[in-house]
Amino acid sequence: MARATARHILVDSKEKCEALKAEIEGGRDFAEVARQSSTCPSGRQGGDLGSFGPGQMVREFDEVVFSGELNKVHGPVKTQFGYHLLEITSRS
């Protein structure tokens, strides 16, 4: 079964998500942004979600995590929880 590790940042608006993505793409550290801005408890760990398989996260996550490019910031990804930036750190 496929496995992936990823980090994410959760915020309440698409605009905030896009602004944070621009900061990260401009050189700001993903983990630092997650600690300062994410509303998810994982933000305290720099957004680290650990290792998971298909179906363990919401469908919108799975679509990105199991097909997107590694070590690139993806998003905004809208889910029932809000808007996410995702970074896939590994996949097997």
N, C-alpha and C. Protein backbone atom coordinates (compact mmCIF):
# COMPACT_ATOMS: atom_id res chain seq x y z
N MET A 1 0.84 -1.19 0.00
CA MET A 1 0.00 0.00 0.00
C MET A 1 0.88 1.25 0.00
N ALA A 2 0.43 2.24 -0.72
CA ALA A 2 1.16 3.51 -0.80
C ALA A 2 1.18 4.19 0.57
N ARG A 3 2.27 4.88 0.85
CA ARG A 3 2.42 5.69 2.07
C ARG A 3 3.01 7.03 1.67
N ALA A 4 2.69 8.04 2.44
CA ALA A 4 3.25 9.36 2.19
C ALA A 4 3.49 10.06 3.51
N THR A 5 4.40 11.02 3.50
CA THR A 5 4.56 11.95 4.62
C THR A 5 4.38 13.35 4.04
N ALA A 6 3.78 14.20 4.85
CA ALA A 6 3.50 15.55 4.36
C ALA A 6 3.41 16.53 5.51
N ARG A 7 3.50 17.80 5.15
CA ARG A 7 3.27 18.90 6.10
C ARG A 7 2.16 19.75 5.52
N HIS A 8 1.45 20.46 6.39
CA HIS A 8 0.40 21.34 5.88
C HIS A 8 0.23 22.55 6.79
N ILE A 9 -0.41 23.55 6.21
CA ILE A 9 -0.78 24.77 6.92
C ILE A 9 -2.27 24.96 6.65
N LEU A 10 -3.05 25.15 7.71
CA LEU A 10 -4.48 25.35 7.59
C LEU A 10 -4.84 26.77 8.00
N VAL A 11 -5.57 27.47 7.13
CA VAL A 11 -6.06 28.82 7.42
C VAL A 11 -7.52 28.92 6.98
N ASP A 12 -8.16 30.04 7.32
CA ASP A 12 -9.59 30.16 7.08
C ASP A 12 -9.98 30.83 5.77
N SER A 13 -9.01 31.32 5.00
CA SER A 13 -9.38 31.98 3.74
C SER A 13 -8.39 31.66 2.62
N LYS A 14 -8.91 31.65 1.41
CA LYS A 14 -8.08 31.40 0.24
C LYS A 14 -7.03 32.50 0.10
N GLU A 15 -7.41 33.75 0.39
CA GLU A 15 -6.49 34.88 0.25
C GLU A 15 -5.30 34.73 1.21
N LYS A 16 -5.57 34.36 2.45
CA LYS A 16 -4.48 34.17 3.42
C LYS A 16 -3.59 33.02 2.98
N CYS A 17 -4.20 31.96 2.48
CA CYS A 17 -3.45 30.80 2.00
C CYS A 17 -2.51 31.20 0.85
N GLU A 18 -3.03 31.96 -0.09
CA GLU A 18 -2.21 32.40 -1.23
C GLU A 18 -1.07 33.32 -0.78
N ALA A 19 -1.35 34.18 0.19
CA ALA A 19 -0.30 35.08 0.71
C ALA A 19 0.81 34.29 1.39
N LEU A 20 0.44 33.29 2.18
CA LEU A 20 1.45 32.46 2.86
C LEU A 20 2.25 31.65 1.85
N LYS A 21 1.59 31.15 0.81
CA LYS A 21 2.30 30.41 -0.23
C LYS A 21 3.35 31.29 -0.89
N ALA A 22 3.00 32.54 -1.16
CA ALA A 22 3.94 33.48 -1.77
C ALA A 22 5.14 33.72 -0.86
N GLU A 23 4.90 33.81 0.45
CA GLU A 23 6.00 33.99 1.40
C GLU A 23 6.95 32.79 1.38
N ILE A 24 6.38 31.59 1.38
CA ILE A 24 7.20 30.37 1.36
C ILE A 24 7.98 30.28 0.06
N GLU A 25 7.32 30.53 -1.06
CA GLU A 25 8.01 30.48 -2.35
C GLU A 25 9.06 31.58 -2.45
N GLY A 26 8.92 32.64 -1.65
CA GLY A 26 9.90 33.70 -1.61
C GLY A 26 11.07 33.42 -0.67
N GLY A 27 11.05 32.26 -0.02
CA GLY A 27 12.18 31.85 0.81
C GLY A 27 11.89 31.65 2.28
N ARG A 28 10.69 31.97 2.73
CA ARG A 28 10.35 31.76 4.14
C ARG A 28 10.22 30.28 4.44
N ASP A 29 10.62 29.84 5.62
CA ASP A 29 10.60 28.43 6.00
C ASP A 29 9.16 27.94 6.22
N PHE A 30 8.81 26.82 5.58
CA PHE A 30 7.46 26.25 5.68
C PHE A 30 7.10 25.98 7.14
N ALA A 31 7.98 25.34 7.88
CA ALA A 31 7.69 24.99 9.28
C ALA A 31 7.46 26.23 10.13
N GLU A 32 8.24 27.26 9.89
CA GLU A 32 8.08 28.52 10.64
C GLU A 32 6.71 29.14 10.35
N VAL A 33 6.32 29.16 9.08
CA VAL A 33 5.01 29.70 8.70
C VAL A 33 3.91 28.87 9.34
N ALA A 34 4.06 27.56 9.34
CA ALA A 34 3.06 26.68 9.95
C ALA A 34 2.91 26.98 11.44
N ARG A 35 4.04 27.11 12.13
CA ARG A 35 3.99 27.39 13.58
C ARG A 35 3.30 28.72 13.88
N GLN A 36 3.52 29.71 13.03
CA GLN A 36 2.97 31.04 13.28
C GLN A 36 1.54 31.22 12.76
N SER A 37 1.15 30.49 11.72
CA SER A 37 -0.10 30.81 11.04
C SER A 37 -1.15 29.71 11.00
N SER A 38 -0.75 28.44 11.13
CA SER A 38 -1.71 27.35 10.97
C SER A 38 -2.67 27.27 12.14
N THR A 39 -3.95 27.04 11.84
CA THR A 39 -4.95 26.86 12.88
C THR A 39 -5.09 25.40 13.28
N CYS A 40 -4.36 24.51 12.64
CA CYS A 40 -4.37 23.09 12.97
C CYS A 40 -3.37 22.82 14.10
N PRO A 41 -3.68 21.92 15.03
CA PRO A 41 -2.72 21.59 16.09
C PRO A 41 -1.36 21.12 15.56
N SER A 42 -1.33 20.57 14.34
CA SER A 42 -0.05 20.13 13.76
C SER A 42 0.89 21.30 13.51
N GLY A 43 0.37 22.51 13.51
CA GLY A 43 1.21 23.70 13.31
C GLY A 43 2.33 23.79 14.33
N ARG A 44 2.07 23.30 15.55
CA ARG A 44 3.11 23.33 16.59
C ARG A 44 4.32 22.48 16.22
N GLN A 45 4.10 21.48 15.36
CA GLN A 45 5.20 20.63 14.88
C GLN A 45 5.61 21.04 13.46
N GLY A 46 5.41 22.29 13.12
CA GLY A 46 5.78 22.77 11.80
C GLY A 46 4.87 22.25 10.70
N GLY A 47 3.67 21.80 11.08
CA GLY A 47 2.72 21.30 10.10
C GLY A 47 2.86 19.84 9.78
N ASP A 48 3.78 19.15 10.45
CA ASP A 48 4.07 17.74 10.15
C ASP A 48 2.86 16.85 10.45
N LEU A 49 2.43 16.10 9.44
CA LEU A 49 1.31 15.17 9.58
C LEU A 49 1.77 13.73 9.76
N GLY A 50 3.07 13.49 9.70
CA GLY A 50 3.58 12.13 9.84
C GLY A 50 3.32 11.31 8.58
N SER A 51 3.28 9.99 8.78
CA SER A 51 3.09 9.05 7.68
C SER A 51 1.64 8.56 7.65
N PHE A 52 1.09 8.45 6.45
CA PHE A 52 -0.30 7.99 6.32
C PHE A 52 -0.51 7.36 4.95
N GLY A 53 -1.57 6.60 4.84
CA GLY A 53 -1.92 5.94 3.59
C GLY A 53 -3.17 6.54 2.98
N PRO A 54 -3.52 6.11 1.77
CA PRO A 54 -4.73 6.60 1.12
C PRO A 54 -5.96 6.34 1.99
N GLY A 55 -6.85 7.33 2.03
CA GLY A 55 -8.08 7.18 2.80
C GLY A 55 -7.99 7.61 4.24
N GLN A 56 -6.79 7.89 4.74
CA GLN A 56 -6.63 8.32 6.13
C GLN A 56 -6.85 9.82 6.30
N MET A 57 -6.73 10.56 5.22
CA MET A 57 -6.98 11.99 5.23
C MET A 57 -8.20 12.26 4.34
N VAL A 58 -8.69 13.47 4.34
CA VAL A 58 -9.83 13.79 3.49
C VAL A 58 -9.47 13.64 2.02
N ARG A 59 -10.49 13.39 1.19
CA ARG A 59 -10.29 13.11 -0.23
C ARG A 59 -9.44 14.16 -0.93
N GLU A 60 -9.67 15.45 -0.64
CA GLU A 60 -8.93 16.52 -1.31
C GLU A 60 -7.43 16.42 -1.01
N PHE A 61 -7.09 15.98 0.22
CA PHE A 61 -5.69 15.77 0.58
C PHE A 61 -5.11 14.63 -0.25
N ASP A 62 -5.82 13.49 -0.25
CA ASP A 62 -5.33 12.32 -0.97
C ASP A 62 -5.04 12.63 -2.43
N GLU A 63 -5.93 13.39 -3.07
CA GLU A 63 -5.75 13.70 -4.49
C GLU A 63 -4.42 14.42 -4.74
N VAL A 64 -4.04 15.29 -3.83
CA VAL A 64 -2.78 16.03 -3.99
C VAL A 64 -1.60 15.19 -3.52
N VAL A 65 -1.70 14.62 -2.33
CA VAL A 65 -0.56 13.94 -1.72
C VAL A 65 -0.11 12.71 -2.51
N PHE A 66 -1.06 11.98 -3.10
CA PHE A 66 -0.67 10.76 -3.80
C PHE A 66 -0.49 10.94 -5.30
N SER A 67 -0.48 12.20 -5.77
CA SER A 67 -0.20 12.44 -7.19
C SER A 67 0.71 13.64 -7.43
N GLY A 68 0.80 14.55 -6.45
CA GLY A 68 1.55 15.79 -6.65
C GLY A 68 3.06 15.62 -6.57
N GLU A 69 3.74 16.65 -7.03
CA GLU A 69 5.21 16.68 -7.02
C GLU A 69 5.73 16.79 -5.59
N LEU A 70 6.79 16.04 -5.29
CA LEU A 70 7.40 16.06 -3.96
C LEU A 70 8.13 17.38 -3.71
N ASN A 71 8.17 17.78 -2.44
CA ASN A 71 8.94 18.95 -1.97
C ASN A 71 8.56 20.24 -2.68
N LYS A 72 7.30 20.34 -3.06
CA LYS A 72 6.76 21.55 -3.68
C LYS A 72 5.53 21.95 -2.86
N VAL A 73 5.28 23.23 -2.73
CA VAL A 73 4.11 23.70 -2.00
C VAL A 73 2.90 23.68 -2.92
N HIS A 74 1.89 22.91 -2.54
CA HIS A 74 0.65 22.78 -3.31
C HIS A 74 -0.47 23.52 -2.58
N GLY A 75 -1.35 24.10 -3.35
CA GLY A 75 -2.50 24.75 -2.74
C GLY A 75 -2.70 26.14 -3.29
N PRO A 76 -3.74 26.77 -2.83
CA PRO A 76 -4.68 26.39 -1.78
C PRO A 76 -5.51 25.16 -2.15
N VAL A 77 -5.69 24.27 -1.18
CA VAL A 77 -6.55 23.10 -1.30
C VAL A 77 -7.70 23.31 -0.32
N LYS A 78 -8.92 23.39 -0.84
CA LYS A 78 -10.08 23.63 0.02
C LYS A 78 -10.64 22.30 0.51
N THR A 79 -10.88 22.22 1.82
CA THR A 79 -11.56 21.08 2.43
C THR A 79 -12.65 21.63 3.36
N GLN A 80 -13.35 20.73 4.02
CA GLN A 80 -14.38 21.15 4.98
C GLN A 80 -13.78 21.92 6.15
N PHE A 81 -12.46 21.81 6.35
CA PHE A 81 -11.80 22.46 7.49
C PHE A 81 -11.31 23.86 7.18
N GLY A 82 -11.14 24.18 5.88
CA GLY A 82 -10.62 25.48 5.49
C GLY A 82 -9.72 25.33 4.27
N TYR A 83 -8.69 26.15 4.20
CA TYR A 83 -7.76 26.17 3.07
C TYR A 83 -6.39 25.72 3.54
N HIS A 84 -5.78 24.83 2.76
CA HIS A 84 -4.51 24.22 3.14
C HIS A 84 -3.43 24.51 2.11
N LEU A 85 -2.21 24.62 2.61
CA LEU A 85 -1.02 24.48 1.79
C LEU A 85 -0.44 23.12 2.16
N LEU A 86 -0.04 22.35 1.18
CA LEU A 86 0.50 21.02 1.42
C LEU A 86 1.90 20.91 0.83
N GLU A 87 2.77 20.24 1.56
CA GLU A 87 4.09 19.90 1.03
C GLU A 87 4.29 18.42 1.26
N ILE A 88 4.41 17.67 0.17
CA ILE A 88 4.62 16.22 0.24
C ILE A 88 6.12 16.00 0.43
N THR A 89 6.50 15.40 1.55
CA THR A 89 7.92 15.23 1.84
C THR A 89 8.46 13.86 1.43
N SER A 90 7.58 12.85 1.30
CA SER A 90 8.00 11.55 0.77
C SER A 90 6.77 10.75 0.37
N ARG A 91 6.99 9.78 -0.53
CA ARG A 91 5.90 8.91 -0.96
C ARG A 91 6.52 7.61 -1.44
N SER A 92 5.89 6.49 -1.09
CA SER A 92 6.39 5.19 -1.54
C SER A 92 5.22 4.32 -2.00
